[in-house]
PDB file of N, CA and C in Angstrom:
ATOM      1  N   ARG A   1       2.764  11.278  17.908  1.00  0.00           N
ATOM      2  CA  ARG A   1       2.761  12.171  18.973  1.00  0.00           C
ATOM      3  C   ARG A   1       4.321  12.926  19.040  1.00  0.00           C
ATOM      4  N   GLN A   2       5.421  12.108  18.843  1.00  0.00           N
ATOM      5  CA  GLN A   2       6.637  12.813  18.988  1.00  0.00           C
ATOM      6  C   GLN A   2       6.685  13.961  17.767  1.00  0.00           C
ATOM      7  N   THR A   3       6.070  13.569  16.630  1.00  0.00           N
ATOM      8  CA  THR A   3       6.207  14.727  15.502  1.00  0.00           C
ATOM      9  C   THR A   3       5.236  15.948  15.778  1.00  0.00           C
ATOM     10  N   ALA A   4       4.027  15.586  16.502  1.00  0.00           N
ATOM     11  CA  ALA A   4       3.141  16.782  16.773  1.00  0.00           C
ATOM     12  C   ALA A   4       3.818  17.556  17.931  1.00  0.00           C
ATOM     13  N   LYS A   5       4.514  17.035  18.796  1.00  0.00           N
ATOM     14  CA  LYS A   5       5.392  17.759  19.763  1.00  0.00           C
ATOM     15  C   LYS A   5       6.392  18.620  19.130  1.00  0.00           C
ATOM     16  N   VAL A   6       7.217  18.058  18.159  1.00  0.00           N
ATOM     17  CA  VAL A   6       8.299  18.739  17.612  1.00  0.00           C
ATOM     18  C   VAL A   6       7.641  19.888  16.732  1.00  0.00           C
ATOM     19  N   LEU A   7       6.456  19.677  16.079  1.00  0.00           N
ATOM     20  CA  LEU A   7       5.923  20.776  15.305  1.00  0.00           C
ATOM     21  C   LEU A   7       5.393  21.852  16.269  1.00  0.00           C
ATOM     22  N   ALA A   8       4.813  21.515  17.476  1.00  0.00           N
ATOM     23  CA  ALA A   8       4.397  22.505  18.348  1.00  0.00           C
ATOM     24  C   ALA A   8       5.480  23.245  18.956  1.00  0.00           C
ATOM     25  N   ASP A   9       6.622  22.568  19.144  1.00  0.00           N
ATOM     26  CA  ASP A   9       7.790  23.296  19.794  1.00  0.00           C
ATOM     27  C   ASP A   9       8.244  24.207  18.712  1.00  0.00           C
ATOM     28  N   MET A  10       8.345  23.872  17.377  1.00  0.00           N
ATOM     29  CA  MET A  10       8.908  24.611  16.352  1.00  0.00           C
ATOM     30  C   MET A  10       8.027  25.915  16.194  1.00  0.00           C
ATOM     31  N   GLU A  11       6.605  25.719  16.319  1.00  0.00           N
ATOM     32  CA  GLU A  11       5.709  26.842  16.272  1.00  0.00           C
ATOM     33  C   GLU A  11       5.799  27.824  17.412  1.00  0.00           C
ATOM     34  N   ALA A  12       5.983  27.382  18.599  1.00  0.00           N
ATOM     35  CA  ALA A  12       6.311  28.173  19.881  1.00  0.00           C
ATOM     36  C   ALA A  12       7.546  28.717  19.677  1.00  0.00           C
ATOM     37  N   PHE A  13       8.620  28.174  19.189  1.00  0.00           N
ATOM     38  CA  PHE A  13       9.963  28.913  19.147  1.00  0.00           C
ATOM     39  C   PHE A  13       9.775  30.086  18.240  1.00  0.00           C
ATOM     40  N   CYS A  14       9.054  29.939  17.011  1.00  0.00           N
ATOM     41  CA  CYS A  14       8.941  31.097  16.103  1.00  0.00           C
ATOM     42  C   CYS A  14       7.899  32.007  16.726  1.00  0.00           C
ATOM     43  N   ALA A  15       6.980  31.749  17.364  1.00  0.00           N
ATOM     44  CA  ALA A  15       6.011  32.662  17.933  1.00  0.00           C
ATOM     45  C   ALA A  15       6.720  33.520  19.061  1.00  0.00           C
ATOM     46  N   GLU A  16       7.574  32.931  19.853  1.00  0.00           N
ATOM     47  CA  GLU A  16       8.462  33.752  20.742  1.00  0.00           C
ATOM     48  C   GLU A  16       9.285  34.705  20.294  1.00  0.00           C
ATOM     49  N   ARG A  17       9.631  34.607  18.886  1.00  0.00           N
ATOM     50  CA  ARG A  17      10.632  35.474  18.178  1.00  0.00           C
ATOM     51  C   ARG A  17       9.833  36.344  17.214  1.00  0.00           C
ATOM     52  N   GLY A  18       8.624  36.135  17.089  1.00  0.00           N
ATOM     53  CA  GLY A  18       7.855  36.949  16.141  1.00  0.00           C
ATOM     54  C   GLY A  18       7.986  36.485  14.665  1.00  0.00           C
ATOM     55  N   ILE A  19       8.350  35.244  14.550  1.00  0.00           N
ATOM     56  CA  ILE A  19       8.474  34.633  13.243  1.00  0.00           C
ATOM     57  C   ILE A  19       7.140  33.842  12.762  1.00  0.00           C
ATOM     58  N   GLU A  20       6.688  34.027  11.671  1.00  0.00           N
ATOM     59  CA  GLU A  20       5.473  33.174  11.282  1.00  0.00           C
ATOM     60  C   GLU A  20       6.027  31.865  10.922  1.00  0.00           C
ATOM     61  N   PHE A  21       5.142  30.950  11.324  1.00  0.00           N
ATOM     62  CA  PHE A  21       5.527  29.456  11.160  1.00  0.00           C
ATOM     63  C   PHE A  21       4.475  28.930  10.234  1.00  0.00           C
ATOM     64  N   ALA A  22       4.855  28.191   9.104  1.00  0.00           N
ATOM     65  CA  ALA A  22       3.950  27.346   8.321  1.00  0.00           C
ATOM     66  C   ALA A  22       4.736  26.062   7.952  1.00  0.00           C
ATOM     67  N   LEU A  23       3.862  25.099   7.734  1.00  0.00           N
ATOM     68  CA  LEU A  23       4.440  23.748   7.372  1.00  0.00           C
ATOM     69  C   LEU A  23       3.902  23.356   6.083  1.00  0.00           C
ATOM     70  N   ALA A  24       4.818  23.331   5.008  1.00  0.00           N
ATOM     71  CA  ALA A  24       4.346  22.805   3.795  1.00  0.00           C
ATOM     72  C   ALA A  24       4.567  21.328   3.712  1.00  0.00           C
ATOM     73  N   VAL A  25       3.539  20.622   3.339  1.00  0.00           N
ATOM     74  CA  VAL A  25       3.544  19.216   3.298  1.00  0.00           C
ATOM     75  C   VAL A  25       3.463  18.724   1.768  1.00  0.00           C
ATOM     76  N   PHE A  26       4.653  18.200   1.332  1.00  0.00           N
ATOM     77  CA  PHE A  26       4.747  17.724  -0.080  1.00  0.00           C
ATOM     78  C   PHE A  26       4.227  16.155  -0.052  1.00  0.00           C
ATOM     79  N   PRO A  27       3.310  15.807  -0.939  1.00  0.00           N
ATOM     80  CA  PRO A  27       2.938  14.470  -0.936  1.00  0.00           C
ATOM     81  C   PRO A  27       3.922  13.508  -1.543  1.00  0.00           C
ATOM     82  N   ILE A  28       3.756  12.368  -1.117  1.00  0.00           N
ATOM     83  CA  ILE A  28       4.525  11.250  -1.845  1.00  0.00           C
ATOM     84  C   ILE A  28       3.928  10.984  -3.201  1.00  0.00           C
ATOM     85  N   LEU A  29       4.695  11.158  -4.252  1.00  0.00           N
ATOM     86  CA  LEU A  29       4.178  11.131  -5.646  1.00  0.00           C
ATOM     87  C   LEU A  29       3.938   9.843  -6.144  1.00  0.00           C
ATOM     88  N   HIS A  30       2.992   9.110  -5.510  1.00  0.00           N
ATOM     89  CA  HIS A  30       2.520   7.761  -5.679  1.00  0.00           C
ATOM     90  C   HIS A  30       1.074   7.574  -5.573  1.00  0.00           C
ATOM     91  N   GLN A  31       0.314   6.970  -6.401  1.00  0.00           N
ATOM     92  CA  GLN A  31      -0.996   6.631  -6.212  1.00  0.00           C
ATOM     93  C   GLN A  31      -1.833   7.875  -5.999  1.00  0.00           C
ATOM     94  N   LEU A  32      -1.629   9.033  -6.894  1.00  0.00           N
ATOM     95  CA  LEU A  32      -2.343  10.228  -6.504  1.00  0.00           C
ATOM     96  C   LEU A  32      -3.846  10.145  -6.850  1.00  0.00           C
ATOM     97  N   GLY A  33      -4.239   9.185  -7.714  1.00  0.00           N
ATOM     98  CA  GLY A  33      -5.566   9.071  -8.133  1.00  0.00           C
ATOM     99  C   GLY A  33      -6.440   8.592  -6.765  1.00  0.00           C
ATOM    100  N   ASP A  34      -5.929   7.921  -6.003  1.00  0.00           N
ATOM    101  CA  ASP A  34      -6.485   7.391  -4.545  1.00  0.00           C
ATOM    102  C   ASP A  34      -5.379   7.472  -3.573  1.00  0.00           C
ATOM    103  N   TYR A  35      -5.047   8.720  -3.232  1.00  0.00           N
ATOM    104  CA  TYR A  35      -3.803   8.888  -2.455  1.00  0.00           C
ATOM    105  C   TYR A  35      -3.931   8.232  -1.070  1.00  0.00           C
ATOM    106  N   PRO A  36      -3.001   7.254  -0.628  1.00  0.00           N
ATOM    107  CA  PRO A  36      -3.152   6.367   0.540  1.00  0.00           C
ATOM    108  C   PRO A  36      -2.831   7.154   1.831  1.00  0.00           C
ATOM    109  N   LEU A  37      -2.228   8.383   1.712  1.00  0.00           N
ATOM    110  CA  LEU A  37      -1.950   9.218   2.876  1.00  0.00           C
ATOM    111  C   LEU A  37      -2.670  10.399   3.146  1.00  0.00           C
ATOM    112  N   GLN A  38      -3.946  10.521   2.557  1.00  0.00           N
ATOM    113  CA  GLN A  38      -4.763  11.526   2.822  1.00  0.00           C
ATOM    114  C   GLN A  38      -5.176  11.812   4.282  1.00  0.00           C
ATOM    115  N   ALA A  39      -5.401  10.727   5.001  1.00  0.00           N
ATOM    116  CA  ALA A  39      -5.612  10.877   6.488  1.00  0.00           C
ATOM    117  C   ALA A  39      -4.626  11.494   7.171  1.00  0.00           C
ATOM    118  N   ALA A  40      -3.347  11.098   6.944  1.00  0.00           N
ATOM    119  CA  ALA A  40      -2.105  11.696   7.465  1.00  0.00           C
ATOM    120  C   ALA A  40      -2.017  13.121   7.149  1.00  0.00           C
ATOM    121  N   HIS A  41      -2.353  13.499   5.949  1.00  0.00           N
ATOM    122  CA  HIS A  41      -2.198  14.949   5.615  1.00  0.00           C
ATOM    123  C   HIS A  41      -3.314  15.742   6.458  1.00  0.00           C
ATOM    124  N   ARG A  42      -4.614  15.085   6.576  1.00  0.00           N
ATOM    125  CA  ARG A  42      -5.673  15.748   7.224  1.00  0.00           C
ATOM    126  C   ARG A  42      -5.213  15.873   8.739  1.00  0.00           C
ATOM    127  N   LYS A  43      -4.584  14.872   9.328  1.00  0.00           N
ATOM    128  CA  LYS A  43      -4.198  14.847  10.703  1.00  0.00           C
ATOM    129  C   LYS A  43      -3.157  16.021  10.915  1.00  0.00           C
ATOM    130  N   LEU A  44      -2.284  16.360  10.127  1.00  0.00           N
ATOM    131  CA  LEU A  44      -1.272  17.342  10.145  1.00  0.00           C
ATOM    132  C   LEU A  44      -2.037  18.694  10.092  1.00  0.00           C
ATOM    133  N   SER A  45      -3.074  18.809   9.303  1.00  0.00           N
ATOM    134  CA  SER A  45      -3.709  20.178   9.257  1.00  0.00           C
ATOM    135  C   SER A  45      -4.625  20.410  10.534  1.00  0.00           C
ATOM    136  N   ALA A  46      -4.941  19.371  11.116  1.00  0.00           N
ATOM    137  CA  ALA A  46      -5.823  19.370  12.436  1.00  0.00           C
ATOM    138  C   ALA A  46      -4.832  19.775  13.672  1.00  0.00           C
ATOM    139  N   GLN A  47      -3.681  19.889  13.440  1.00  0.00           N
ATOM    140  CA  GLN A  47      -2.666  20.180  14.583  1.00  0.00           C
ATOM    141  C   GLN A  47      -2.818  21.600  15.185  1.00  0.00           C
ATOM    142  N   GLY A  48      -3.573  22.520  14.483  1.00  0.00           N
ATOM    143  CA  GLY A  48      -3.608  23.868  14.849  1.00  0.00           C
ATOM    144  C   GLY A  48      -2.513  24.781  14.284  1.00  0.00           C
ATOM    145  N   ILE A  49      -1.635  24.202  13.557  1.00  0.00           N
ATOM    146  CA  ILE A  49      -0.666  25.042  12.847  1.00  0.00           C
ATOM    147  C   ILE A  49      -0.921  25.391  11.389  1.00  0.00           C
ATOM    148  N   HIS A  50      -0.353  26.380  10.802  1.00  0.00           N
ATOM    149  CA  HIS A  50      -0.697  26.860   9.563  1.00  0.00           C
ATOM    150  C   HIS A  50       0.021  25.690   8.643  1.00  0.00           C
ATOM    151  N   VAL A  51      -0.783  25.020   7.957  1.00  0.00           N
ATOM    152  CA  VAL A  51      -0.304  23.987   6.981  1.00  0.00           C
ATOM    153  C   VAL A  51      -0.808  24.152   5.645  1.00  0.00           C
ATOM    154  N   VAL A  52       0.327  24.148   4.642  1.00  0.00           N
ATOM    155  CA  VAL A  52      -0.149  24.234   3.305  1.00  0.00           C
ATOM    156  C   VAL A  52       0.142  22.921   2.621  1.00  0.00           C
ATOM    157  N   ASP A  53      -0.898  22.224   2.402  1.00  0.00           N
ATOM    158  CA  ASP A  53      -0.926  20.870   1.907  1.00  0.00           C
ATOM    159  C   ASP A  53      -0.850  20.865   0.386  1.00  0.00           C
ATOM    160  N   LEU A  54       0.319  20.573  -0.159  1.00  0.00           N
ATOM    161  CA  LEU A  54       0.526  20.500  -1.498  1.00  0.00           C
ATOM    162  C   LEU A  54      -0.069  19.353  -2.309  1.00  0.00           C
ATOM    163  N   LEU A  55      -0.792  18.500  -1.577  1.00  0.00           N
ATOM    164  CA  LEU A  55      -1.526  17.361  -2.180  1.00  0.00           C
ATOM    165  C   LEU A  55      -2.527  17.994  -3.190  1.00  0.00           C
ATOM    166  N   GLU A  56      -3.037  19.054  -2.768  1.00  0.00           N
ATOM    167  CA  GLU A  56      -4.149  19.638  -3.721  1.00  0.00           C
ATOM    168  C   GLU A  56      -3.555  19.984  -5.102  1.00  0.00           C
ATOM    169  N   VAL A  57      -2.302  20.166  -5.194  1.00  0.00           N
ATOM    170  CA  VAL A  57      -1.756  20.628  -6.440  1.00  0.00           C
ATOM    171  C   VAL A  57      -1.631  19.329  -7.415  1.00  0.00           C
ATOM    172  N   PHE A  58      -1.540  18.118  -6.733  1.00  0.00           N
ATOM    173  CA  PHE A  58      -1.121  17.098  -7.515  1.00  0.00           C
ATOM    174  C   PHE A  58      -2.252  15.988  -7.473  1.00  0.00           C
ATOM    175  N   VAL A  59      -3.219  16.046  -6.596  1.00  0.00           N
ATOM    176  CA  VAL A  59      -4.226  14.966  -6.400  1.00  0.00           C
ATOM    177  C   VAL A  59      -4.934  14.766  -7.817  1.00  0.00           C
ATOM    178  N   GLY A  60      -5.140  13.544  -8.147  1.00  0.00           N
ATOM    179  CA  GLY A  60      -5.788  13.082  -9.425  1.00  0.00           C
ATOM    180  C   GLY A  60      -4.927  13.092 -10.708  1.00  0.00           C
ATOM    181  N   GLU A  61      -3.689  13.707 -10.503  1.00  0.00           N
ATOM    182  CA  GLU A  61      -2.781  13.765 -11.705  1.00  0.00           C
ATOM    183  C   GLU A  61      -2.044  12.399 -11.935  1.00  0.00           C
ATOM    184  N   ASP A  62      -1.351  12.404 -12.993  1.00  0.00           N
ATOM    185  CA  ASP A  62      -0.566  11.024 -13.415  1.00  0.00           C
ATOM    186  C   ASP A  62       0.593  11.397 -12.701  1.00  0.00           C
ATOM    187  N   GLU A  63       0.908  10.713 -11.593  1.00  0.00           N
ATOM    188  CA  GLU A  63       2.231  10.975 -10.866  1.00  0.00           C
ATOM    189  C   GLU A  63       3.445  10.800 -11.667  1.00  0.00           C
ATOM    190  N   ARG A  64       3.342  10.003 -12.673  1.00  0.00           N
ATOM    191  CA  ARG A  64       4.567   9.664 -13.501  1.00  0.00           C
ATOM    192  C   ARG A  64       5.093  10.899 -14.195  1.00  0.00           C
ATOM    193  N   ALA A  65       4.302  11.992 -14.473  1.00  0.00           N
ATOM    194  CA  ALA A  65       4.693  13.154 -14.965  1.00  0.00           C
ATOM    195  C   ALA A  65       5.621  14.048 -14.020  1.00  0.00           C
ATOM    196  N   TYR A  66       5.550  13.612 -12.767  1.00  0.00           N
ATOM    197  CA  TYR A  66       6.352  14.428 -11.774  1.00  0.00           C
ATOM    198  C   TYR A  66       7.515  13.746 -11.101  1.00  0.00           C
ATOM    199  N   TRP A  67       7.771  12.583 -11.599  1.00  0.00           N
ATOM    200  CA  TRP A  67       8.981  11.799 -11.144  1.00  0.00           C
ATOM    201  C   TRP A  67      10.279  12.272 -11.725  1.00  0.00           C
ATOM    202  N   VAL A  68      11.252  12.048 -10.937  1.00  0.00           N
ATOM    203  CA  VAL A  68      12.609  12.401 -11.569  1.00  0.00           C
ATOM    204  C   VAL A  68      12.914  11.205 -12.553  1.00  0.00           C
ATOM    205  N   HIS A  69      12.566  10.063 -12.343  1.00  0.00           N
ATOM    206  CA  HIS A  69      12.814   8.937 -13.264  1.00  0.00           C
ATOM    207  C   HIS A  69      11.894   7.790 -12.813  1.00  0.00           C
ATOM    208  N   PRO A  70      11.482   6.953 -13.901  1.00  0.00           N
ATOM    209  CA  PRO A  70      10.550   5.861 -13.603  1.00  0.00           C
ATOM    210  C   PRO A  70      10.884   4.971 -12.408  1.00  0.00           C
ATOM    211  N   THR A  71      12.044   4.940 -11.991  1.00  0.00           N
ATOM    212  CA  THR A  71      12.457   4.121 -10.894  1.00  0.00           C
ATOM    213  C   THR A  71      12.748   5.079  -9.573  1.00  0.00           C
ATOM    214  N   ASP A  72      12.503   6.221  -9.683  1.00  0.00           N
ATOM    215  CA  ASP A  72      12.704   7.204  -8.637  1.00  0.00           C
ATOM    216  C   ASP A  72      11.669   8.221  -8.547  1.00  0.00           C
ATOM    217  N   PHE A  73      10.826   8.016  -7.580  1.00  0.00           N
ATOM    218  CA  PHE A  73       9.458   8.838  -7.281  1.00  0.00           C
ATOM    219  C   PHE A  73       9.745  10.168  -6.701  1.00  0.00           C
ATOM    220  N   HIS A  74      10.955  10.605  -6.517  1.00  0.00           N
ATOM    221  CA  HIS A  74      11.237  11.999  -6.041  1.00  0.00           C
ATOM    222  C   HIS A  74      10.709  12.934  -7.021  1.00  0.00           C
ATOM    223  N   PRO A  75      10.406  14.096  -6.643  1.00  0.00           N
ATOM    224  CA  PRO A  75       9.728  15.188  -7.431  1.00  0.00           C
ATOM    225  C   PRO A  75      10.708  15.704  -8.408  1.00  0.00           C
ATOM    226  N   ASN A  76      10.321  15.923  -9.544  1.00  0.00           N
ATOM    227  CA  ASN A  76      11.243  16.526 -10.580  1.00  0.00           C
ATOM    228  C   ASN A  76      11.004  18.027 -10.709  1.00  0.00           C
ATOM    229  N   GLY A  77      11.679  18.669 -11.534  1.00  0.00           N
ATOM    230  CA  GLY A  77      11.713  20.097 -11.677  1.00  0.00           C
ATOM    231  C   GLY A  77      10.329  20.582 -11.912  1.00  0.00           C
ATOM    232  N   ARG A  78       9.476  19.900 -12.671  1.00  0.00           N
ATOM    233  CA  ARG A  78       8.063  20.376 -12.947  1.00  0.00           C
ATOM    234  C   ARG A  78       7.275  20.385 -11.538  1.00  0.00           C
ATOM    235  N   ALA A  79       7.461  19.360 -10.895  1.00  0.00           N
ATOM    236  CA  ALA A  79       6.768  19.157  -9.521  1.00  0.00           C
ATOM    237  C   ALA A  79       7.279  20.265  -8.610  1.00  0.00           C
ATOM    238  N   HIS A  80       8.373  20.523  -8.675  1.00  0.00           N
ATOM    239  CA  HIS A  80       8.909  21.665  -7.651  1.00  0.00           C
ATOM    240  C   HIS A  80       8.462  22.996  -8.113  1.00  0.00           C
ATOM    241  N   ARG A  81       8.330  23.156  -9.497  1.00  0.00           N
ATOM    242  CA  ARG A  81       7.874  24.581 -10.025  1.00  0.00           C
ATOM    243  C   ARG A  81       6.364  24.677  -9.492  1.00  0.00           C
ATOM    244  N   LEU A  82       5.610  23.643  -9.694  1.00  0.00           N
ATOM    245  CA  LEU A  82       4.024  23.707  -9.344  1.00  0.00           C
ATOM    246  C   LEU A  82       4.001  23.942  -7.857  1.00  0.00           C
ATOM    247  N   ALA A  83       4.876  23.282  -7.106  1.00  0.00           N
ATOM    248  CA  ALA A  83       4.739  23.421  -5.515  1.00  0.00           C
ATOM    249  C   ALA A  83       5.161  24.893  -5.274  1.00  0.00           C
ATOM    250  N   ALA A  84       6.273  25.380  -5.972  1.00  0.00           N
ATOM    251  CA  ALA A  84       6.730  26.730  -5.538  1.00  0.00           C
ATOM    252  C   ALA A  84       5.664  27.828  -5.979  1.00  0.00           C
ATOM    253  N   GLU A  85       5.082  27.552  -7.105  1.00  0.00           N
ATOM    254  CA  GLU A  85       3.911  28.537  -7.584  1.00  0.00           C
ATOM    255  C   GLU A  85       2.666  28.532  -6.619  1.00  0.00           C
ATOM    256  N   HIS A  86       2.428  27.324  -6.131  1.00  0.00           N
ATOM    257  CA  HIS A  86       1.268  27.241  -5.212  1.00  0.00           C
ATOM    258  C   HIS A  86       1.679  28.051  -3.901  1.00  0.00           C
ATOM    259  N   LEU A  87       2.884  27.741  -3.309  1.00  0.00           N
ATOM    260  CA  LEU A  87       3.330  28.413  -2.202  1.00  0.00           C
ATOM    261  C   LEU A  87       3.402  29.963  -2.344  1.00  0.00           C
ATOM    262  N   LEU A  88       3.782  30.258  -3.474  1.00  0.00           N
ATOM    263  CA  LEU A  88       3.814  31.834  -3.674  1.00  0.00           C
ATOM    264  C   LEU A  88       2.594  32.374  -3.612  1.00  0.00           C
ATOM    265  N   LYS A  89       1.534  31.825  -4.065  1.00  0.00           N
ATOM    266  CA  LYS A  89       0.219  32.326  -4.158  1.00  0.00           C
ATOM    267  C   LYS A  89      -0.515  32.076  -2.873  1.00  0.00           C
ATOM    268  N   THR A  90      -0.201  31.188  -2.101  1.00  0.00           N
ATOM    269  CA  THR A  90      -0.794  30.684  -0.796  1.00  0.00           C
ATOM    270  C   THR A  90      -0.361  31.265   0.220  1.00  0.00           C
ATOM    271  N   LEU A  91       0.950  31.503   0.529  1.00  0.00           N
ATOM    272  CA  LEU A  91       1.527  32.199   1.698  1.00  0.00           C
ATOM    273  C   LEU A  91       1.400  33.758   1.511  1.00  0.00           C
ATOM    274  N   ALA A  92       1.167  34.389   2.565  1.00  0.00           N
ATOM    275  CA  ALA A  92       1.114  35.895   2.605  1.00  0.00           C
ATOM    276  C   ALA A  92       2.466  36.419   2.843  1.00  0.00           C
ATOM    277  N   TRP A  93       3.091  36.907   1.747  1.00  0.00           N
ATOM    278  CA  TRP A  93       4.399  37.483   1.695  1.00  0.00           C
ATOM    279  C   TRP A  93       4.258  38.995   2.065  1.00  0.00           C
TER     280      TRP A  93
END
């Protein structure tokens, strides 16, 4: 609830100033074949704000190809490039 309020406040802040607001959701790069946080991603999308869910870029892929290191699941340069390319074609510039 707290996160939903913060997001709603951010959207209202932007709307009052004529700023477009969108939330890009980057998945945790773990268990992409059966992603355990899909429900959380759907819940964010149901908040009524513009959400770009980057999960669709990676779902079903071998997550290891996108890790910084085998012991560090943070996104590597390849993952960031794919995310940026998706945002570029998804968002109205």
